[in-house]
Amino acid sequence: QLVESGGGLVQPGGSLRLACQLSGFTGETFAEYAISWFRQAPGKEREGLSCISKSGQYIYYDESVKGRVTISRDGAENTVYLEINNLKPEDTAVYYCAASPRYSLNCVIYDYGMDDWGKGTLVTVSS
């Protein structure tokens, strides 16, 4: 089970660190999954933002967020983090994490490449 947290209301220019915990996973199981982050803004399609491979050695950022986002994983906590800086009103969305065991060395950020999804956490950027 994937559980997102860390969303909330933040002012423009602020930062947030979202967490995706793989609840019920052992440390070994956590290491078998590449993790990806997506978001869906009101009235828009879900879009992929970033992903991190099983080992953490391969990381990908979509051009829409590159330079403002950092993804990382903590094996001891079975958690993947997504830090977003310089938040803008257009970053307002529900943020989801997703997992897949299919990718040995890399990761992907398209919907059909995922096997398990969290329920999302809402981020609202407003003054």
Foldseek 3Di string as FASTA:
>chain_A
DWAKDFADEAAAQAKIKMKIAPPPDALVRLLLKKKWKWWDDPPGDIWTAKIAHSVRPEIDGDPVQPPFWDWDDDSVRNMIMIMGGRDDQVVWTWMKMFIDSPDHHYDDGDDVRGDDIYPTDTHGYHD
